[in-house]
Amino acid sequence: MPDVLDTSAYDTVCRIPLSEAQAEARRLARTEGILAGVSSGAALHAATTIARYPQYYGALIVVVLPGNGERYLSTDLFT
């Protein structure tokens, strides 16, 4: 983590493997019609993982999809 990161601004950090982030980005495109990039796939995967934690039952969880998938159209992500 960078030294300038304000660790009081978040509750937890989820490390998402690249393969899972890519799979989530593909799922978003296939099932929701949302063309999202790998960082968005990682963010959504982390949010859905956290949503399963008992302490977050009934909580409102918001996730921001930080990037689109346009630049990945000619890569292995979507081909």
PDB file of N, CA and C in Angstrom:
ATOM      1  N   MET A   1       0.835  -1.177   0.000  1.00  0.00           N
ATOM      2  CA  MET A   1       0.000   0.000   0.000  1.00  0.00           C
ATOM      3  C   MET A   1       0.888   1.252   0.000  1.00  0.00           C
ATOM      4  N   PRO A   2       0.498   2.258  -0.758  1.00  0.00           N
ATOM      5  CA  PRO A   2       1.301   3.484  -0.784  1.00  0.00           C
ATOM      6  C   PRO A   2       1.230   4.246   0.533  1.00  0.00           C
ATOM      7  N   ASP A   3       2.280   4.959   0.851  1.00  0.00           N
ATOM      8  CA  ASP A   3       2.337   5.722   2.100  1.00  0.00           C
ATOM      9  C   ASP A   3       1.264   6.798   2.185  1.00  0.00           C
ATOM     10  N   VAL A   4       0.820   7.316   1.050  1.00  0.00           N
ATOM     11  CA  VAL A   4      -0.167   8.402   1.051  1.00  0.00           C
ATOM     12  C   VAL A   4      -1.604   7.901   1.217  1.00  0.00           C
ATOM     13  N   LEU A   5      -1.800   6.606   1.273  1.00  0.00           N
ATOM     14  CA  LEU A   5      -3.139   6.037   1.405  1.00  0.00           C
ATOM     15  C   LEU A   5      -3.695   6.295   2.797  1.00  0.00           C
ATOM     16  N   ASP A   6      -4.870   6.890   2.848  1.00  0.00           N
ATOM     17  CA  ASP A   6      -5.549   7.173   4.120  1.00  0.00           C
ATOM     18  C   ASP A   6      -6.290   5.912   4.555  1.00  0.00           C
ATOM     19  N   THR A   7      -5.694   5.142   5.440  1.00  0.00           N
ATOM     20  CA  THR A   7      -6.276   3.866   5.854  1.00  0.00           C
ATOM     21  C   THR A   7      -7.500   4.022   6.747  1.00  0.00           C
ATOM     22  N   SER A   8      -7.800   5.238   7.183  1.00  0.00           N
ATOM     23  CA  SER A   8      -9.015   5.450   7.977  1.00  0.00           C
ATOM     24  C   SER A   8     -10.245   5.612   7.084  1.00  0.00           C
ATOM     25  N   ALA A   9     -10.038   5.652   5.777  1.00  0.00           N
ATOM     26  CA  ALA A   9     -11.137   5.902   4.846  1.00  0.00           C
ATOM     27  C   ALA A   9     -11.867   4.630   4.411  1.00  0.00           C
ATOM     28  N   TYR A  10     -11.395   3.478   4.813  1.00  0.00           N
ATOM     29  CA  TYR A  10     -12.039   2.230   4.402  1.00  0.00           C
ATOM     30  C   TYR A  10     -12.007   1.224   5.547  1.00  0.00           C
ATOM     31  N   ASP A  11     -12.871   0.216   5.427  1.00  0.00           N
ATOM     32  CA  ASP A  11     -12.982  -0.796   6.471  1.00  0.00           C
ATOM     33  C   ASP A  11     -12.062  -1.990   6.248  1.00  0.00           C
ATOM     34  N   THR A  12     -11.898  -2.385   4.998  1.00  0.00           N
ATOM     35  CA  THR A  12     -11.136  -3.595   4.715  1.00  0.00           C
ATOM     36  C   THR A  12     -10.532  -3.526   3.317  1.00  0.00           C
ATOM     37  N   VAL A  13      -9.570  -4.381   3.064  1.00  0.00           N
ATOM     38  CA  VAL A  13      -8.948  -4.507   1.750  1.00  0.00           C
ATOM     39  C   VAL A  13      -9.167  -5.933   1.279  1.00  0.00           C
ATOM     40  N   CYS A  14      -9.618  -6.082   0.059  1.00  0.00           N
ATOM     41  CA  CYS A  14      -9.796  -7.409  -0.539  1.00  0.00           C
ATOM     42  C   CYS A  14      -8.807  -7.550  -1.686  1.00  0.00           C
ATOM     43  N   ARG A  15      -7.999  -8.556  -1.631  1.00  0.00           N
ATOM     44  CA  ARG A  15      -7.073  -8.829  -2.731  1.00  0.00           C
ATOM     45  C   ARG A  15      -7.743  -9.859  -3.639  1.00  0.00           C
ATOM     46  N   ILE A  16      -8.003  -9.449  -4.860  1.00  0.00           N
ATOM     47  CA  ILE A  16      -8.721 -10.288  -5.814  1.00  0.00           C
ATOM     48  C   ILE A  16      -7.737 -10.784  -6.871  1.00  0.00           C
ATOM     49  N   PRO A  17      -7.633 -12.095  -7.057  1.00  0.00           N
ATOM     50  CA  PRO A  17      -6.758 -12.623  -8.107  1.00  0.00           C
ATOM     51  C   PRO A  17      -7.206 -12.134  -9.490  1.00  0.00           C
ATOM     52  N   LEU A  18      -6.254 -11.923 -10.376  1.00  0.00           N
ATOM     53  CA  LEU A  18      -6.547 -11.437 -11.720  1.00  0.00           C
ATOM     54  C   LEU A  18      -7.577 -12.312 -12.420  1.00  0.00           C
ATOM     55  N   SER A  19      -7.454 -13.617 -12.290  1.00  0.00           N
ATOM     56  CA  SER A  19      -8.385 -14.528 -12.973  1.00  0.00           C
ATOM     57  C   SER A  19      -9.823 -14.313 -12.507  1.00  0.00           C
ATOM     58  N   GLU A  20     -10.023 -14.027 -11.231  1.00  0.00           N
ATOM     59  CA  GLU A  20     -11.373 -13.791 -10.717  1.00  0.00           C
ATOM     60  C   GLU A  20     -11.900 -12.434 -11.160  1.00  0.00           C
ATOM     61  N   ALA A  21     -11.033 -11.431 -11.215  1.00  0.00           N
ATOM     62  CA  ALA A  21     -11.438 -10.107 -11.701  1.00  0.00           C
ATOM     63  C   ALA A  21     -11.845 -10.189 -13.170  1.00  0.00           C
ATOM     64  N   GLN A  22     -11.083 -10.923 -13.954  1.00  0.00           N
ATOM     65  CA  GLN A  22     -11.409 -11.094 -15.369  1.00  0.00           C
ATOM     66  C   GLN A  22     -12.724 -11.844 -15.542  1.00  0.00           C
ATOM     67  N   ALA A  23     -12.921 -12.885 -14.774  1.00  0.00           N
ATOM     68  CA  ALA A  23     -14.160 -13.661 -14.856  1.00  0.00           C
ATOM     69  C   ALA A  23     -15.363 -12.791 -14.511  1.00  0.00           C
ATOM     70  N   GLU A  24     -15.224 -11.940 -13.523  1.00  0.00           N
ATOM     71  CA  GLU A  24     -16.329 -11.058 -13.126  1.00  0.00           C
ATOM     72  C   GLU A  24     -16.610 -10.026 -14.211  1.00  0.00           C
ATOM     73  N   ALA A  25     -15.576  -9.502 -14.852  1.00  0.00           N
ATOM     74  CA  ALA A  25     -15.768  -8.554 -15.954  1.00  0.00           C
ATOM     75  C   ALA A  25     -16.491  -9.233 -17.117  1.00  0.00           C
ATOM     76  N   ARG A  26     -16.122 -10.471 -17.414  1.00  0.00           N
ATOM     77  CA  ARG A  26     -16.807 -11.220 -18.481  1.00  0.00           C
ATOM     78  C   ARG A  26     -18.267 -11.481 -18.116  1.00  0.00           C
ATOM     79  N   ARG A  27     -18.513 -11.822 -16.858  1.00  0.00           N
ATOM     80  CA  ARG A  27     -19.884 -12.073 -16.419  1.00  0.00           C
ATOM     81  C   ARG A  27     -20.729 -10.812 -16.549  1.00  0.00           C
ATOM     82  N   LEU A  28     -20.173  -9.681 -16.171  1.00  0.00           N
ATOM     83  CA  LEU A  28     -20.895  -8.410 -16.302  1.00  0.00           C
ATOM     84  C   LEU A  28     -21.296  -8.161 -17.751  1.00  0.00           C
ATOM     85  N   ALA A  29     -20.380  -8.403 -18.672  1.00  0.00           N
ATOM     86  CA  ALA A  29     -20.671  -8.201 -20.091  1.00  0.00           C
ATOM     87  C   ALA A  29     -21.723  -9.188 -20.581  1.00  0.00           C
ATOM     88  N   ARG A  30     -21.575 -10.431 -20.201  1.00  0.00           N
ATOM     89  CA  ARG A  30     -22.457 -11.491 -20.687  1.00  0.00           C
ATOM     90  C   ARG A  30     -23.861 -11.404 -20.105  1.00  0.00           C
ATOM     91  N   THR A  31     -23.982 -11.180 -18.817  1.00  0.00           N
ATOM     92  CA  THR A  31     -25.298 -11.263 -18.173  1.00  0.00           C
ATOM     93  C   THR A  31     -25.975  -9.922 -17.945  1.00  0.00           C
ATOM     94  N   GLU A  32     -25.187  -8.849 -17.848  1.00  0.00           N
ATOM     95  CA  GLU A  32     -25.770  -7.535 -17.555  1.00  0.00           C
ATOM     96  C   GLU A  32     -25.617  -6.550 -18.707  1.00  0.00           C
ATOM     97  N   GLY A  33     -24.823  -6.904 -19.715  1.00  0.00           N
ATOM     98  CA  GLY A  33     -24.598  -5.991 -20.829  1.00  0.00           C
ATOM     99  C   GLY A  33     -23.740  -4.797 -20.460  1.00  0.00           C
ATOM    100  N   ILE A  34     -22.942  -4.930 -19.416  1.00  0.00           N
ATOM    101  CA  ILE A  34     -22.072  -3.844 -18.958  1.00  0.00           C
ATOM    102  C   ILE A  34     -20.643  -4.169 -19.382  1.00  0.00           C
ATOM    103  N   LEU A  35     -20.086  -3.318 -20.240  1.00  0.00           N
ATOM    104  CA  LEU A  35     -18.719  -3.507 -20.695  1.00  0.00           C
ATOM    105  C   LEU A  35     -17.785  -2.864 -19.679  1.00  0.00           C
ATOM    106  N   ALA A  36     -17.224  -3.676 -18.823  1.00  0.00           N
ATOM    107  CA  ALA A  36     -16.389  -3.187 -17.726  1.00  0.00           C
ATOM    108  C   ALA A  36     -15.002  -3.800 -17.825  1.00  0.00           C
ATOM    109  N   GLY A  37     -14.027  -3.096 -17.303  1.00  0.00           N
ATOM    110  CA  GLY A  37     -12.654  -3.573 -17.320  1.00  0.00           C
ATOM    111  C   GLY A  37     -12.328  -4.462 -16.137  1.00  0.00           C
ATOM    112  N   VAL A  38     -11.076  -4.841 -16.068  1.00  0.00           N
ATOM    113  CA  VAL A  38     -10.605  -5.745 -15.025  1.00  0.00           C
ATOM    114  C   VAL A  38     -10.736  -5.109 -13.641  1.00  0.00           C
ATOM    115  N   SER A  39     -10.430  -3.820 -13.525  1.00  0.00           N
ATOM    116  CA  SER A  39     -10.547  -3.166 -12.213  1.00  0.00           C
ATOM    117  C   SER A  39     -11.996  -3.144 -11.747  1.00  0.00           C
ATOM    118  N   SER A  40     -12.919  -2.990 -12.681  1.00  0.00           N
ATOM    119  CA  SER A  40     -14.339  -3.039 -12.324  1.00  0.00           C
ATOM    120  C   SER A  40     -14.739  -4.443 -11.897  1.00  0.00           C
ATOM    121  N   GLY A  41     -14.214  -5.446 -12.591  1.00  0.00           N
ATOM    122  CA  GLY A  41     -14.481  -6.823 -12.200  1.00  0.00           C
ATOM    123  C   GLY A  41     -13.973  -7.119 -10.805  1.00  0.00           C
ATOM    124  N   ALA A  42     -12.793  -6.603 -10.487  1.00  0.00           N
ATOM    125  CA  ALA A  42     -12.234  -6.793  -9.143  1.00  0.00           C
ATOM    126  C   ALA A  42     -13.082  -6.088  -8.096  1.00  0.00           C
ATOM    127  N   ALA A  43     -13.517  -4.871  -8.396  1.00  0.00           N
ATOM    128  CA  ALA A  43     -14.336  -4.109  -7.443  1.00  0.00           C
ATOM    129  C   ALA A  43     -15.656  -4.822  -7.173  1.00  0.00           C
ATOM    130  N   LEU A  44     -16.301  -5.313  -8.230  1.00  0.00           N
ATOM    131  CA  LEU A  44     -17.573  -6.005  -8.040  1.00  0.00           C
ATOM    132  C   LEU A  44     -17.382  -7.322  -7.300  1.00  0.00           C
ATOM    133  N   HIS A  45     -16.327  -8.041  -7.624  1.00  0.00           N
ATOM    134  CA  HIS A  45     -16.056  -9.304  -6.932  1.00  0.00           C
ATOM    135  C   HIS A  45     -15.838  -9.055  -5.439  1.00  0.00           C
ATOM    136  N   ALA A  46     -15.079  -8.018  -5.119  1.00  0.00           N
ATOM    137  CA  ALA A  46     -14.842  -7.677  -3.711  1.00  0.00           C
ATOM    138  C   ALA A  46     -16.145  -7.302  -3.020  1.00  0.00           C
ATOM    139  N   ALA A  47     -16.974  -6.509  -3.678  1.00  0.00           N
ATOM    140  CA  ALA A  47     -18.240  -6.080  -3.071  1.00  0.00           C
ATOM    141  C   ALA A  47     -19.171  -7.262  -2.824  1.00  0.00           C
ATOM    142  N   THR A  48     -19.258  -8.176  -3.773  1.00  0.00           N
ATOM    143  CA  THR A  48     -20.139  -9.329  -3.575  1.00  0.00           C
ATOM    144  C   THR A  48     -19.585 -10.279  -2.517  1.00  0.00           C
ATOM    145  N   THR A  49     -18.267 -10.353  -2.411  1.00  0.00           N
ATOM    146  CA  THR A  49     -17.656 -11.158  -1.350  1.00  0.00           C
ATOM    147  C   THR A  49     -17.978 -10.568   0.016  1.00  0.00           C
ATOM    148  N   ILE A  50     -17.773  -9.273   0.152  1.00  0.00           N
ATOM    149  CA  ILE A  50     -18.054  -8.594   1.422  1.00  0.00           C
ATOM    150  C   ILE A  50     -19.537  -8.679   1.771  1.00  0.00           C
ATOM    151  N   ALA A  51     -20.395  -8.603   0.779  1.00  0.00           N
ATOM    152  CA  ALA A  51     -21.842  -8.656   1.026  1.00  0.00           C
ATOM    153  C   ALA A  51     -22.265  -9.973   1.672  1.00  0.00           C
ATOM    154  N   ARG A  52     -21.467 -11.007   1.505  1.00  0.00           N
ATOM    155  CA  ARG A  52     -21.792 -12.313   2.104  1.00  0.00           C
ATOM    156  C   ARG A  52     -21.371 -12.417   3.568  1.00  0.00           C
ATOM    157  N   TYR A  53     -20.581 -11.486   4.056  1.00  0.00           N
ATOM    158  CA  TYR A  53     -20.151 -11.514   5.455  1.00  0.00           C
ATOM    159  C   TYR A  53     -21.357 -11.271   6.353  1.00  0.00           C
ATOM    160  N   PRO A  54     -21.528 -12.066   7.401  1.00  0.00           N
ATOM    161  CA  PRO A  54     -22.694 -11.924   8.285  1.00  0.00           C
ATOM    162  C   PRO A  54     -22.870 -10.512   8.855  1.00  0.00           C
ATOM    163  N   GLN A  55     -21.791  -9.830   9.154  1.00  0.00           N
ATOM    164  CA  GLN A  55     -21.917  -8.497   9.754  1.00  0.00           C
ATOM    165  C   GLN A  55     -22.492  -7.468   8.782  1.00  0.00           C
ATOM    166  N   TYR A  56     -22.546  -7.800   7.491  1.00  0.00           N
ATOM    167  CA  TYR A  56     -23.108  -6.874   6.510  1.00  0.00           C
ATOM    168  C   TYR A  56     -24.506  -7.283   6.052  1.00  0.00           C
ATOM    169  N   TYR A  57     -25.095  -8.275   6.710  1.00  0.00           N
ATOM    170  CA  TYR A  57     -26.447  -8.696   6.345  1.00  0.00           C
ATOM    171  C   TYR A  57     -27.406  -7.510   6.470  1.00  0.00           C
ATOM    172  N   GLY A  58     -28.135  -7.240   5.419  1.00  0.00           N
ATOM    173  CA  GLY A  58     -29.095  -6.139   5.420  1.00  0.00           C
ATOM    174  C   GLY A  58     -28.488  -4.773   5.169  1.00  0.00           C
ATOM    175  N   ALA A  59     -27.172  -4.704   5.019  1.00  0.00           N
ATOM    176  CA  ALA A  59     -26.506  -3.417   4.801  1.00  0.00           C
ATOM    177  C   ALA A  59     -26.616  -3.000   3.333  1.00  0.00           C
ATOM    178  N   LEU A  60     -26.557  -1.718   3.108  1.00  0.00           N
ATOM    179  CA  LEU A  60     -26.493  -1.180   1.757  1.00  0.00           C
ATOM    180  C   LEU A  60     -25.022  -1.125   1.358  1.00  0.00           C
ATOM    181  N   ILE A  61     -24.679  -1.843   0.319  1.00  0.00           N
ATOM    182  CA  ILE A  61     -23.295  -1.879  -0.151  1.00  0.00           C
ATOM    183  C   ILE A  61     -23.265  -1.246  -1.534  1.00  0.00           C
ATOM    184  N   VAL A  62     -22.416  -0.261  -1.693  1.00  0.00           N
ATOM    185  CA  VAL A  62     -22.289   0.455  -2.960  1.00  0.00           C
ATOM    186  C   VAL A  62     -20.922   0.147  -3.548  1.00  0.00           C
ATOM    187  N   VAL A  63     -20.898  -0.145  -4.833  1.00  0.00           N
ATOM    188  CA  VAL A  63     -19.621  -0.385  -5.513  1.00  0.00           C
ATOM    189  C   VAL A  63     -19.549   0.530  -6.733  1.00  0.00           C
ATOM    190  N   VAL A  64     -18.394   1.119  -6.938  1.00  0.00           N
ATOM    191  CA  VAL A  64     -18.146   1.953  -8.110  1.00  0.00           C
ATOM    192  C   VAL A  64     -17.325   1.132  -9.092  1.00  0.00           C
ATOM    193  N   LEU A  65     -17.792   1.062 -10.323  1.00  0.00           N
ATOM    194  CA  LEU A  65     -17.046   0.347 -11.359  1.00  0.00           C
ATOM    195  C   LEU A  65     -16.079   1.351 -11.987  1.00  0.00           C
ATOM    196  N   PRO A  66     -14.789   1.239 -11.649  1.00  0.00           N
ATOM    197  CA  PRO A  66     -13.837   2.299 -11.971  1.00  0.00           C
ATOM    198  C   PRO A  66     -13.338   2.364 -13.410  1.00  0.00           C
ATOM    199  N   GLY A  67     -13.692   1.434 -14.242  1.00  0.00           N
ATOM    200  CA  GLY A  67     -13.172   1.492 -15.607  1.00  0.00           C
ATOM    201  C   GLY A  67     -14.050   0.733 -16.571  1.00  0.00           C
ATOM    202  N   ASN A  68     -14.053   1.173 -17.829  1.00  0.00           N
ATOM    203  CA  ASN A  68     -14.837   0.443 -18.825  1.00  0.00           C
ATOM    204  C   ASN A  68     -13.956  -0.576 -19.527  1.00  0.00           C
ATOM    205  N   GLY A  69     -14.572  -1.410 -20.315  1.00  0.00           N
ATOM    206  CA  GLY A  69     -13.839  -2.500 -20.941  1.00  0.00           C
ATOM    207  C   GLY A  69     -13.438  -2.251 -22.375  1.00  0.00           C
ATOM    208  N   GLU A  70     -13.638  -1.027 -22.859  1.00  0.00           N
ATOM    209  CA  GLU A  70     -13.351  -0.742 -24.266  1.00  0.00           C
ATOM    210  C   GLU A  70     -11.909  -1.081 -24.654  1.00  0.00           C
ATOM    211  N   ARG A  71     -10.972  -0.749 -23.800  1.00  0.00           N
ATOM    212  CA  ARG A  71      -9.573  -1.008 -24.157  1.00  0.00           C
ATOM    213  C   ARG A  71      -9.214  -2.492 -24.109  1.00  0.00           C
ATOM    214  N   TYR A  72     -10.102  -3.317 -23.590  1.00  0.00           N
ATOM    215  CA  TYR A  72      -9.845  -4.754 -23.498  1.00  0.00           C
ATOM    216  C   TYR A  72     -10.497  -5.550 -24.631  1.00  0.00           C
ATOM    217  N   LEU A  73     -11.198  -4.874 -25.542  1.00  0.00           N
ATOM    218  CA  LEU A  73     -11.939  -5.585 -26.580  1.00  0.00           C
ATOM    219  C   LEU A  73     -11.052  -6.455 -27.468  1.00  0.00           C
ATOM    220  N   SER A  74      -9.826  -6.060 -27.688  1.00  0.00           N
ATOM    221  CA  SER A  74      -8.935  -6.839 -28.549  1.00  0.00           C
ATOM    222  C   SER A  74      -7.972  -7.725 -27.754  1.00  0.00           C
ATOM    223  N   THR A  75      -8.244  -7.898 -26.471  1.00  0.00           N
ATOM    224  CA  THR A  75      -7.384  -8.735 -25.630  1.00  0.00           C
ATOM    225  C   THR A  75      -8.077 -10.051 -25.308  1.00  0.00           C
ATOM    226  N   ASP A  76      -7.394 -10.886 -24.556  1.00  0.00           N
ATOM    227  CA  ASP A  76      -7.958 -12.174 -24.151  1.00  0.00           C
ATOM    228  C   ASP A  76      -9.188 -12.027 -23.263  1.00  0.00           C
ATOM    229  N   LEU A  77      -9.375 -10.863 -22.665  1.00  0.00           N
ATOM    230  CA  LEU A  77     -10.514 -10.685 -21.769  1.00  0.00           C
ATOM    231  C   LEU A  77     -11.832 -10.902 -22.497  1.00  0.00           C
ATOM    232  N   PHE A  78     -11.955 -10.362 -23.707  1.00  0.00           N
ATOM    233  CA  PHE A  78     -13.225 -10.449 -24.432  1.00  0.00           C
ATOM    234  C   PHE A  78     -13.125 -11.152 -25.778  1.00  0.00           C
ATOM    235  N   THR A  79     -12.000 -11.796 -26.070  1.00  0.00           N
ATOM    236  CA  THR A  79     -11.908 -12.498 -27.354  1.00  0.00           C
ATOM    237  C   THR A  79     -11.867 -13.986 -27.144  1.00  0.00           C
TER     238      THR A  79
END
